[in-house]
C-alpha atoms as a PDB file:
ATOM      1  CA  MET A   1      58.099  81.000  81.135  1.00  0.00           C
ATOM      2  CA  GLU A   2      55.808  81.599  84.291  1.00  0.00           C
ATOM      3  CA  ARG A   3      55.659  84.529  86.349  1.00  0.00           C
ATOM      4  CA  ASN A   4      56.746  82.528  89.527  1.00  0.00           C
ATOM      5  CA  GLU A   5      59.917  81.422  87.564  1.00  0.00           C
ATOM      6  CA  ILE A   6      60.650  84.714  85.786  1.00  0.00           C
ATOM      7  CA  VAL A   7      60.456  86.234  89.975  1.00  0.00           C
ATOM      8  CA  ARG A   8      62.649  83.419  91.166  1.00  0.00           C
ATOM      9  CA  ARG A   9      65.510  84.297  88.643  1.00  0.00           C
ATOM     10  CA  LEU A  10      65.557  87.635  89.246  1.00  0.00           C
ATOM     11  CA  VAL A  11      65.961  87.041  92.735  1.00  0.00           C
ATOM     12  CA  LEU A  12      68.630  84.524  92.294  1.00  0.00           C
ATOM     13  CA  ARG A  13      70.535  87.099  90.077  1.00  0.00           C
ATOM     14  CA  GLU A  14      70.660  89.700  92.952  1.00  0.00           C
ATOM     15  CA  ILE A  15      72.304  87.360  95.342  1.00  0.00           C
ATOM     16  CA  THR A  16      74.880  86.000  93.383  1.00  0.00           C
ATOM     17  CA  ASP A  17      77.369  88.416  93.895  1.00  0.00           C
ATOM     18  CA  ASP A  18      77.062  89.763  97.742  1.00  0.00           C
ATOM     19  CA  TYR A  19      75.182  88.986 101.025  1.00  0.00           C
ATOM     20  CA  GLU A  20      71.551  91.018 100.065  1.00  0.00           C
ATOM     21  CA  ASN A  21      68.225  91.858 102.244  1.00  0.00           C
ATOM     22  CA  VAL A  22      65.055  91.483 100.858  1.00  0.00           C
ATOM     23  CA  ASP A  23      63.697  94.936 101.681  1.00  0.00           C
ATOM     24  CA  GLN A  24      67.516  97.128 101.141  1.00  0.00           C
ATOM     25  CA  GLN A  25      68.186  95.630  97.981  1.00  0.00           C
ATOM     26  CA  ILE A  26      66.326  92.471  96.634  1.00  0.00           C
ATOM     27  CA  LEU A  27      62.832  94.025  96.247  1.00  0.00           C
ATOM     28  CA  PRO A  28      63.858  97.101  94.902  1.00  0.00           C
ATOM     29  CA  SER A  29      66.369  95.860  92.412  1.00  0.00           C
ATOM     30  CA  VAL A  30      63.876  92.854  91.031  1.00  0.00           C
ATOM     31  CA  SER A  31      60.958  95.350  91.758  1.00  0.00           C
ATOM     32  CA  ARG A  32      62.832  97.763  88.645  1.00  0.00           C
ATOM     33  CA  LEU A  33      63.698  94.537  86.547  1.00  0.00           C
ATOM     34  CA  GLY A  34      60.016  93.597  86.594  1.00  0.00           C
ATOM     35  CA  GLU A  35      58.617  96.720  85.827  1.00  0.00           C
ATOM     36  CA  ARG A  36      60.737  96.845  82.592  1.00  0.00           C
ATOM     37  CA  LEU A  37      58.935  93.321  81.847  1.00  0.00           C
ATOM     38  CA  GLY A  38      55.416  95.136  82.437  1.00  0.00           C
ATOM     39  CA  MET A  39      55.263  93.343  85.779  1.00  0.00           C
ATOM     40  CA  ASN A  40      54.403  94.597  89.515  1.00  0.00           C
ATOM     41  CA  ILE A  41      56.380  92.544  91.754  1.00  0.00           C
ATOM     42  CA  GLN A  42      55.245  92.768  95.320  1.00  0.00           C
ATOM     43  CA  ARG A  43      57.520  91.810  98.220  1.00  0.00           C
ATOM     44  CA  GLY A  44      55.267  88.769  99.116  1.00  0.00           C
ATOM     45  CA  GLU A  45      56.535  87.162  95.925  1.00  0.00           C
ATOM     46  CA  VAL A  46      60.208  87.893  96.303  1.00  0.00           C
ATOM     47  CA  VAL A  47      60.040  86.221  99.891  1.00  0.00           C
ATOM     48  CA  THR A  48      58.171  83.216  98.491  1.00  0.00           C
ATOM     49  CA  ALA A  49      60.944  83.005  95.363  1.00  0.00           C
ATOM     50  CA  LEU A  50      63.850  83.272  98.327  1.00  0.00           C
ATOM     51  CA  ALA A  51      61.934  80.157 100.354  1.00  0.00           C
ATOM     52  CA  GLY A  52      61.923  78.473  97.113  1.00  0.00           C
ATOM     53  CA  LEU A  53      65.738  78.889  96.415  1.00  0.00           C
ATOM     54  CA  ILE A  54      66.497  77.913  99.833  1.00  0.00           C
ATOM     55  CA  HIS A  55      64.450  74.760  99.863  1.00  0.00           C
ATOM     56  CA  ASP A  56      66.063  73.837  96.555  1.00  0.00           C
ATOM     57  CA  GLY A  57      69.377  74.328  98.278  1.00  0.00           C
ATOM     58  CA  PHE A  58      70.283  77.358  96.215  1.00  0.00           C
ATOM     59  CA  ALA A  59      70.281  79.775  98.515  1.00  0.00           C
ATOM     60  CA  SER A  60      71.368  80.553 102.521  1.00  0.00           C
ATOM     61  CA  ALA A  61      69.662  83.275 105.072  1.00  0.00           C
ATOM     62  CA  TYR A  62      71.898  84.455 107.318  1.00  0.00           C
ATOM     63  CA  ARG A  63      71.736  86.943 110.549  1.00  0.00           C
ATOM     64  CA  LEU A  64      74.557  89.508 109.820  1.00  0.00           C
ATOM     65  CA  SER A  65      75.255  91.916 112.391  1.00  0.00           C
ATOM     66  CA  PRO A  66      78.247  94.234 113.468  1.00  0.00           C
ATOM     67  CA  PHE A  67      78.233  93.403 116.664  1.00  0.00           C
ATOM     68  CA  GLU A  68      78.310  89.652 116.452  1.00  0.00           C
ATOM     69  CA  PRO A  69      79.499  86.593 114.393  1.00  0.00           C
ATOM     70  CA  PRO A  70      77.641  85.864 111.236  1.00  0.00           C
ATOM     71  CA  LEU A  71      74.663  83.188 112.022  1.00  0.00           C
ATOM     72  CA  GLU A  72      73.242  80.781 109.163  1.00  0.00           C
ATOM     73  CA  PHE A  73      69.828  80.200 109.350  1.00  0.00           C
ATOM     74  CA  LYS A  74      68.251  76.851 109.194  1.00  0.00           C
ATOM     75  CA  GLY A  75      65.923  76.885 106.418  1.00  0.00           C
ATOM     76  CA  MET A  76      64.002  80.158 105.724  1.00  0.00           C
ATOM     77  CA  PRO A  77      63.204  82.836 108.503  1.00  0.00           C
ATOM     78  CA  SER A  78      59.977  84.682 109.008  1.00  0.00           C
ATOM     79  CA  LEU A  79      60.124  88.107 107.103  1.00  0.00           C
ATOM     80  CA  GLU A  80      56.349  88.743 107.338  1.00  0.00           C
ATOM     81  CA  VAL A  81      57.329  92.112 108.248  1.00  0.00           C
ATOM     82  CA  VAL A  82      60.030  94.486 107.214  1.00  0.00           C
ATOM     83  CA  GLU A  83      62.494  94.586 109.776  1.00  0.00           C
ATOM     84  CA  MET A  84      63.255  97.736 111.603  1.00  0.00           C
ATOM     85  CA  TYR A  85      67.427  96.296 111.744  1.00  0.00           C
ATOM     86  CA  PHE A  86      68.070  94.737 108.397  1.00  0.00           C
ATOM     87  CA  GLU A  87      69.680  91.518 109.819  1.00  0.00           C
ATOM     88  CA  THR A  88      68.714  89.245 107.538  1.00  0.00           C
ATOM     89  CA  TYR A  89      70.521  88.349 104.449  1.00  0.00           C
ATOM     90  CA  PHE A  90      70.597  86.174 101.533  1.00  0.00           C
ATOM     91  CA  TYR A  91      73.559  84.381  99.456  1.00  0.00           C
ATOM     92  CA  VAL A  92      73.740  81.977  97.169  1.00  0.00           C
ATOM     93  CA  THR A  93      75.225  78.600  97.559  1.00  0.00           C
ATOM     94  CA  PRO A  94      77.755  76.902  95.271  1.00  0.00           C
ATOM     95  CA  LYS A  95      74.846  74.905  93.962  1.00  0.00           C
ATOM     96  CA  GLY A  96      72.772  77.647  93.013  1.00  0.00           C
ATOM     97  CA  LEU A  97      75.480  79.743  91.884  1.00  0.00           C
ATOM     98  CA  ALA A  98      76.552  76.622  89.401  1.00  0.00           C
ATOM     99  CA  ALA A  99      72.734  76.348  88.298  1.00  0.00           C
ATOM    100  CA  TYR A 100      72.738  80.429  87.345  1.00  0.00           C
ATOM    101  CA  LEU A 101      75.381  80.354  85.314  1.00  0.00           C
ATOM    102  CA  ALA A 102      74.716  76.973  83.444  1.00  0.00           C
ATOM    103  CA  ASP A 103      71.579  78.236  81.912  1.00  0.00           C
ATOM    104  CA  ASP A 104      70.822  81.432  80.924  1.00  0.00           C
ATOM    105  CA  SER A 105      68.911  80.658  78.241  1.00  0.00           C
ATOM    106  CA  GLN A 106      65.979  81.788  80.210  1.00  0.00           C
ATOM    107  CA  TRP A 107      66.684  85.381  81.046  1.00  0.00           C
ATOM    108  CA  PRO A 108      64.361  87.484  80.587  1.00  0.00           C
ATOM    109  CA  PHE A 109      66.695  90.147  79.032  1.00  0.00           C
ATOM    110  CA  ASP A 110      68.864  90.235  75.939  1.00  0.00           C
ATOM    111  CA  ALA A 111      72.591  91.189  75.985  1.00  0.00           C
ATOM    112  CA  GLU A 112      71.466  95.293  75.730  1.00  0.00           C
ATOM    113  CA  GLY A 113      69.285  94.744  78.567  1.00  0.00           C
ATOM    114  CA  ASN A 114      65.852  94.868  76.509  1.00  0.00           C
ATOM    115  CA  PRO A 115      63.183  92.580  77.204  1.00  0.00           C
ATOM    116  CA  VAL A 116      62.681  89.270  75.211  1.00  0.00           C
ATOM    117  CA  SER A 117      59.825  88.782  73.604  1.00  0.00           C
END
């Protein structure tokens, strides 16, 4: 499996159970999993994976704030720099969840959490 597909699968997994911010949750989690696979995953790769997931209808981006109602972005928001106040979050769509649940044959870890060779 190609590197970008591994990163994409790791990112998709990260947003299947809750709204997640790139710098608070997605990047640290995906980076830890990537290290176990011998990969040094960078923030730009995560952002690219999210953009692809949004383009394919597998994820949506939202602005979440304790002071305003949630706002869904049309497409991928700009995430060139780390947000000062984490407000941009990502969540899987029904289509993305179905794809995630339908095919775990390409998941890079076995049932015990060890990298598949």
